[in-house]
Amino acid sequence: MKKRTIITGALVAAAGLVAVGGVAAVGGAFTNPEAGPLPEGVTVVTQKVYDEAFAKFEACMKEGGAALAGTRVVGGVYEFSYLADAEPVYDKCYVDFAPVDYQWQIAHSYDSETFIRYRECLTEIGVEPGKDADTVLAQIEESSLDVQKCFEPAANG
C-alpha cells in the first residue's frame, strides 16, 4: 500500500498536477473574503446551482485548453486536478465558480474526508463528536488533539 502511495505521489509531482477541492479546516472558522458574491439571483447554493456552476467552470477550463483531470465527488464536493501550467486558465475560470464552491464546501464540510477522520479521532479518544463542523472543530481545539496524527497511517498499515 505504501509503495502505491509513493508511486502515485511521484507521478502526480512529475506530471505537475494541482489537486483542488475540499475545505481546509485546520485552524478555526472558514473565511474567504476573496470568494466574492454569489451569482445574481442566487441566495442559496442548492445542489442544482452547485452542479451548474461546476459545469460552467469545467467548460471554461476545457475552452481554455486546460481540461480537468481526476474529477470526483467526495462528501458532496467536487474535487479535481489540472496541470500546473494551466494555472492562468484556472485563475480565469474559477473566479465565477469560487463563491458557489466556497458556500457549498462550507455547507458540506461535515461530510468531507477531513471531518470524517476528525470525528473518528475524537471517538478514538472517547469524545462523542458534535453534529456540525463548528462543534467538531471546537472539540478538537478543546481536546488538544494532534490532528496530524489523525491522518497518519496506522502502525500496522
C-alpha atoms as a PDB file:
ATOM      1  CA  MET A   1       0.000   0.000   0.000  1.00  0.00           C
ATOM      2  CA  LYS A   2       2.747   2.473   0.904  1.00  0.00           C
ATOM      3  CA  LYS A   3       4.604   1.727  -2.333  1.00  0.00           C
ATOM      4  CA  ARG A   4       1.499   2.596  -4.369  1.00  0.00           C
ATOM      5  CA  THR A   5       1.075   5.851  -2.428  1.00  0.00           C
ATOM      6  CA  ILE A   6       4.689   6.840  -3.037  1.00  0.00           C
ATOM      7  CA  ILE A   7       4.490   5.954  -6.726  1.00  0.00           C
ATOM      8  CA  THR A   8       1.210   7.822  -7.145  1.00  0.00           C
ATOM      9  CA  GLY A   9       2.678  10.861  -5.377  1.00  0.00           C
ATOM     10  CA  ALA A  10       5.740  10.769  -7.621  1.00  0.00           C
ATOM     11  CA  LEU A  11       3.603  10.530 -10.770  1.00  0.00           C
ATOM     12  CA  VAL A  12       1.433  13.436  -9.682  1.00  0.00           C
ATOM     13  CA  ALA A  13       4.521  15.537  -8.928  1.00  0.00           C
ATOM     14  CA  ALA A  14       6.151  14.581 -12.227  1.00  0.00           C
ATOM     15  CA  ALA A  15       3.025  15.435 -14.200  1.00  0.00           C
ATOM     16  CA  GLY A  16       2.724  18.804 -12.491  1.00  0.00           C
ATOM     17  CA  LEU A  17      -0.841  18.228 -11.360  1.00  0.00           C
ATOM     18  CA  VAL A  18      -2.537  20.513  -8.920  1.00  0.00           C
ATOM     19  CA  ALA A  19      -5.245  18.893  -6.794  1.00  0.00           C
ATOM     20  CA  VAL A  20      -8.123  21.087  -5.714  1.00  0.00           C
ATOM     21  CA  GLY A  21     -11.196  20.567  -3.600  1.00  0.00           C
ATOM     22  CA  GLY A  22     -12.350  20.260  -0.040  1.00  0.00           C
ATOM     23  CA  VAL A  23     -12.241  22.926   2.616  1.00  0.00           C
ATOM     24  CA  ALA A  24      -9.058  23.081   4.631  1.00  0.00           C
ATOM     25  CA  ALA A  25     -10.493  23.090   8.102  1.00  0.00           C
ATOM     26  CA  VAL A  26      -7.462  23.238  10.387  1.00  0.00           C
ATOM     27  CA  GLY A  27      -7.174  26.367  12.429  1.00  0.00           C
ATOM     28  CA  GLY A  28     -10.639  27.683  13.023  1.00  0.00           C
ATOM     29  CA  ALA A  29     -13.504  29.327  11.225  1.00  0.00           C
ATOM     30  CA  PHE A  30     -13.934  29.310   7.476  1.00  0.00           C
ATOM     31  CA  THR A  31     -13.342  32.697   5.907  1.00  0.00           C
ATOM     32  CA  ASN A  32     -12.710  33.625   2.308  1.00  0.00           C
ATOM     33  CA  PRO A  33     -13.302  37.272   1.520  1.00  0.00           C
ATOM     34  CA  GLU A  34     -11.867  36.727  -1.973  1.00  0.00           C
ATOM     35  CA  ALA A  35     -14.643  34.282  -2.954  1.00  0.00           C
ATOM     36  CA  GLY A  36     -16.849  37.182  -3.980  1.00  0.00           C
ATOM     37  CA  PRO A  37     -20.636  37.428  -4.125  1.00  0.00           C
ATOM     38  CA  LEU A  38     -22.916  34.679  -5.338  1.00  0.00           C
ATOM     39  CA  PRO A  39     -24.176  34.978  -8.919  1.00  0.00           C
ATOM     40  CA  GLU A  40     -27.058  37.360  -9.495  1.00  0.00           C
ATOM     41  CA  GLY A  41     -30.369  35.870  -8.381  1.00  0.00           C
ATOM     42  CA  VAL A  42     -28.744  33.168  -6.225  1.00  0.00           C
ATOM     43  CA  THR A  43     -29.326  33.448  -2.491  1.00  0.00           C
ATOM     44  CA  VAL A  44     -28.895  29.796  -1.537  1.00  0.00           C
ATOM     45  CA  VAL A  45     -26.482  27.334  -3.133  1.00  0.00           C
ATOM     46  CA  THR A  46     -28.542  24.251  -3.912  1.00  0.00           C
ATOM     47  CA  GLN A  47     -27.287  21.024  -5.496  1.00  0.00           C
ATOM     48  CA  LYS A  48     -28.587  22.280  -8.852  1.00  0.00           C
ATOM     49  CA  VAL A  49     -26.806  25.650  -8.513  1.00  0.00           C
ATOM     50  CA  TYR A  50     -23.580  23.921  -7.474  1.00  0.00           C
ATOM     51  CA  ASP A  51     -23.699  21.364 -10.307  1.00  0.00           C
ATOM     52  CA  GLU A  52     -24.488  24.036 -12.915  1.00  0.00           C
ATOM     53  CA  ALA A  53     -21.703  26.307 -11.655  1.00  0.00           C
ATOM     54  CA  PHE A  54     -19.218  23.420 -11.746  1.00  0.00           C
ATOM     55  CA  ALA A  55     -20.311  22.500 -15.292  1.00  0.00           C
ATOM     56  CA  LYS A  56     -19.679  26.115 -16.402  1.00  0.00           C
ATOM     57  CA  PHE A  57     -16.285  26.100 -14.674  1.00  0.00           C
ATOM     58  CA  GLU A  58     -15.354  22.788 -16.294  1.00  0.00           C
ATOM     59  CA  ALA A  59     -16.458  24.051 -19.734  1.00  0.00           C
ATOM     60  CA  CYS A  60     -14.431  27.243 -19.275  1.00  0.00           C
ATOM     61  CA  MET A  61     -11.344  25.185 -18.393  1.00  0.00           C
ATOM     62  CA  LYS A  62     -11.879  22.980 -21.461  1.00  0.00           C
ATOM     63  CA  GLU A  63     -12.395  26.019 -23.715  1.00  0.00           C
ATOM     64  CA  GLY A  64      -9.119  27.433 -22.368  1.00  0.00           C
ATOM     65  CA  GLY A  65      -7.309  24.224 -23.286  1.00  0.00           C
ATOM     66  CA  ALA A  66      -6.972  23.065 -19.698  1.00  0.00           C
ATOM     67  CA  ALA A  67      -9.286  20.120 -19.118  1.00  0.00           C
ATOM     68  CA  LEU A  68      -9.734  18.891 -15.558  1.00  0.00           C
ATOM     69  CA  ALA A  69      -8.316  15.517 -14.535  1.00  0.00           C
ATOM     70  CA  GLY A  70      -9.300  13.112 -11.798  1.00  0.00           C
ATOM     71  CA  THR A  71     -12.658  14.750 -11.173  1.00  0.00           C
ATOM     72  CA  ARG A  72     -14.612  13.075  -8.382  1.00  0.00           C
ATOM     73  CA  VAL A  73     -17.209  13.941  -5.778  1.00  0.00           C
ATOM     74  CA  VAL A  74     -16.228  13.396  -2.142  1.00  0.00           C
ATOM     75  CA  GLY A  75     -18.659  14.245   0.630  1.00  0.00           C
ATOM     76  CA  GLY A  76     -20.810  16.047  -1.922  1.00  0.00           C
ATOM     77  CA  VAL A  77     -17.923  18.303  -3.043  1.00  0.00           C
ATOM     78  CA  TYR A  78     -16.229  18.263  -6.451  1.00  0.00           C
ATOM     79  CA  GLU A  79     -12.508  17.519  -6.270  1.00  0.00           C
ATOM     80  CA  PHE A  80     -10.302  17.757  -9.335  1.00  0.00           C
ATOM     81  CA  SER A  81      -6.797  18.244 -10.639  1.00  0.00           C
ATOM     82  CA  TYR A  82      -5.289  20.127 -13.539  1.00  0.00           C
ATOM     83  CA  LEU A  83      -1.809  20.542 -14.983  1.00  0.00           C
ATOM     84  CA  ALA A  84       0.257  23.182 -13.218  1.00  0.00           C
ATOM     85  CA  ASP A  85       0.864  25.070 -16.462  1.00  0.00           C
ATOM     86  CA  ALA A  86      -2.916  25.583 -16.712  1.00  0.00           C
ATOM     87  CA  GLU A  87      -2.898  27.887 -13.665  1.00  0.00           C
ATOM     88  CA  PRO A  88      -3.723  31.032 -15.727  1.00  0.00           C
ATOM     89  CA  VAL A  89      -6.791  29.319 -17.217  1.00  0.00           C
ATOM     90  CA  TYR A  90      -7.833  28.082 -13.766  1.00  0.00           C
ATOM     91  CA  ASP A  91      -7.451  31.593 -12.318  1.00  0.00           C
ATOM     92  CA  LYS A  92      -9.687  32.999 -15.062  1.00  0.00           C
ATOM     93  CA  CYS A  93     -12.333  30.267 -14.871  1.00  0.00           C
ATOM     94  CA  TYR A  94     -12.507  29.723 -11.124  1.00  0.00           C
ATOM     95  CA  VAL A  95     -13.479  33.341 -10.398  1.00  0.00           C
ATOM     96  CA  ASP A  96     -17.127  32.708 -11.270  1.00  0.00           C
ATOM     97  CA  PHE A  97     -17.239  29.294  -9.579  1.00  0.00           C
ATOM     98  CA  ALA A  98     -15.430  30.386  -6.381  1.00  0.00           C
ATOM     99  CA  PRO A  99     -18.357  31.918  -4.439  1.00  0.00           C
ATOM    100  CA  VAL A 100     -20.662  28.977  -5.199  1.00  0.00           C
ATOM    101  CA  ASP A 101     -17.924  26.426  -4.470  1.00  0.00           C
ATOM    102  CA  TYR A 102     -16.985  28.132  -1.222  1.00  0.00           C
ATOM    103  CA  GLN A 103     -20.567  28.272   0.070  1.00  0.00           C
ATOM    104  CA  TRP A 104     -21.197  24.655  -0.930  1.00  0.00           C
ATOM    105  CA  GLN A 105     -17.996  23.439   0.724  1.00  0.00           C
ATOM    106  CA  ILE A 106     -18.868  25.185   3.980  1.00  0.00           C
ATOM    107  CA  ALA A 107     -22.320  23.629   3.944  1.00  0.00           C
ATOM    108  CA  HIS A 108     -20.874  20.156   3.250  1.00  0.00           C
ATOM    109  CA  SER A 109     -17.637  20.229   5.242  1.00  0.00           C
ATOM    110  CA  TYR A 110     -19.044  17.915   7.913  1.00  0.00           C
ATOM    111  CA  ASP A 111     -19.267  15.135   5.305  1.00  0.00           C
ATOM    112  CA  SER A 112     -15.771  15.702   3.911  1.00  0.00           C
ATOM    113  CA  GLU A 113     -12.977  13.144   4.282  1.00  0.00           C
ATOM    114  CA  THR A 114     -11.252  15.524   6.699  1.00  0.00           C
ATOM    115  CA  PHE A 115     -14.218  15.817   9.041  1.00  0.00           C
ATOM    116  CA  ILE A 116     -14.942  12.110   8.856  1.00  0.00           C
ATOM    117  CA  ARG A 117     -11.394  11.480  10.084  1.00  0.00           C
ATOM    118  CA  TYR A 118     -11.726  14.209  12.747  1.00  0.00           C
ATOM    119  CA  ARG A 119     -14.861  12.509  14.063  1.00  0.00           C
ATOM    120  CA  GLU A 120     -13.114   9.124  14.087  1.00  0.00           C
ATOM    121  CA  CYS A 121     -10.183  10.600  16.045  1.00  0.00           C
ATOM    122  CA  LEU A 122     -12.497  12.209  18.576  1.00  0.00           C
ATOM    123  CA  THR A 123     -14.317   8.897  19.021  1.00  0.00           C
ATOM    124  CA  GLU A 124     -10.972   7.104  19.488  1.00  0.00           C
ATOM    125  CA  ILE A 125     -10.111   9.392  22.417  1.00  0.00           C
ATOM    126  CA  GLY A 126     -13.553   8.954  23.958  1.00  0.00           C
ATOM    127  CA  VAL A 127     -15.184  12.198  22.805  1.00  0.00           C
ATOM    128  CA  GLU A 128     -18.637  11.998  21.190  1.00  0.00           C
ATOM    129  CA  PRO A 129     -18.289  14.108  18.009  1.00  0.00           C
ATOM    130  CA  GLY A 130     -20.597  17.069  17.586  1.00  0.00           C
ATOM    131  CA  LYS A 131     -23.346  17.169  14.993  1.00  0.00           C
ATOM    132  CA  ASP A 132     -21.847  20.011  12.913  1.00  0.00           C
ATOM    133  CA  ALA A 133     -18.434  21.116  11.651  1.00  0.00           C
ATOM    134  CA  ASP A 134     -18.107  24.072  14.036  1.00  0.00           C
ATOM    135  CA  THR A 135     -18.703  21.836  17.062  1.00  0.00           C
ATOM    136  CA  VAL A 136     -16.194  19.248  15.827  1.00  0.00           C
ATOM    137  CA  LEU A 137     -13.551  21.956  15.323  1.00  0.00           C
ATOM    138  CA  ALA A 138     -14.209  23.296  18.817  1.00  0.00           C
ATOM    139  CA  GLN A 139     -13.932  19.775  20.268  1.00  0.00           C
ATOM    140  CA  ILE A 140     -10.612  19.216  18.526  1.00  0.00           C
ATOM    141  CA  GLU A 141      -9.280  22.502  19.854  1.00  0.00           C
ATOM    142  CA  GLU A 142     -10.518  21.783  23.399  1.00  0.00           C
ATOM    143  CA  SER A 143      -9.072  18.264  23.389  1.00  0.00           C
ATOM    144  CA  SER A 144      -5.602  19.424  22.243  1.00  0.00           C
ATOM    145  CA  LEU A 145      -5.764  16.546  19.767  1.00  0.00           C
ATOM    146  CA  ASP A 146      -2.801  16.445  17.370  1.00  0.00           C
ATOM    147  CA  VAL A 147      -4.790  16.392  14.135  1.00  0.00           C
ATOM    148  CA  GLN A 148      -1.722  15.376  12.126  1.00  0.00           C
ATOM    149  CA  LYS A 149      -1.833  12.015  13.900  1.00  0.00           C
ATOM    150  CA  CYS A 150      -5.420  11.567  12.739  1.00  0.00           C
ATOM    151  CA  PHE A 151      -4.149  11.296   9.187  1.00  0.00           C
ATOM    152  CA  GLU A 152      -1.091   9.126   9.752  1.00  0.00           C
ATOM    153  CA  PRO A 153      -1.318   5.530   8.585  1.00  0.00           C
ATOM    154  CA  ALA A 154      -1.908   3.001  11.366  1.00  0.00           C
ATOM    155  CA  ALA A 155       1.251   1.416  12.769  1.00  0.00           C
ATOM    156  CA  ASN A 156       0.239  -1.957  11.316  1.00  0.00           C
ATOM    157  CA  GLY A 157      -0.938  -0.462   7.989  1.00  0.00           C
END
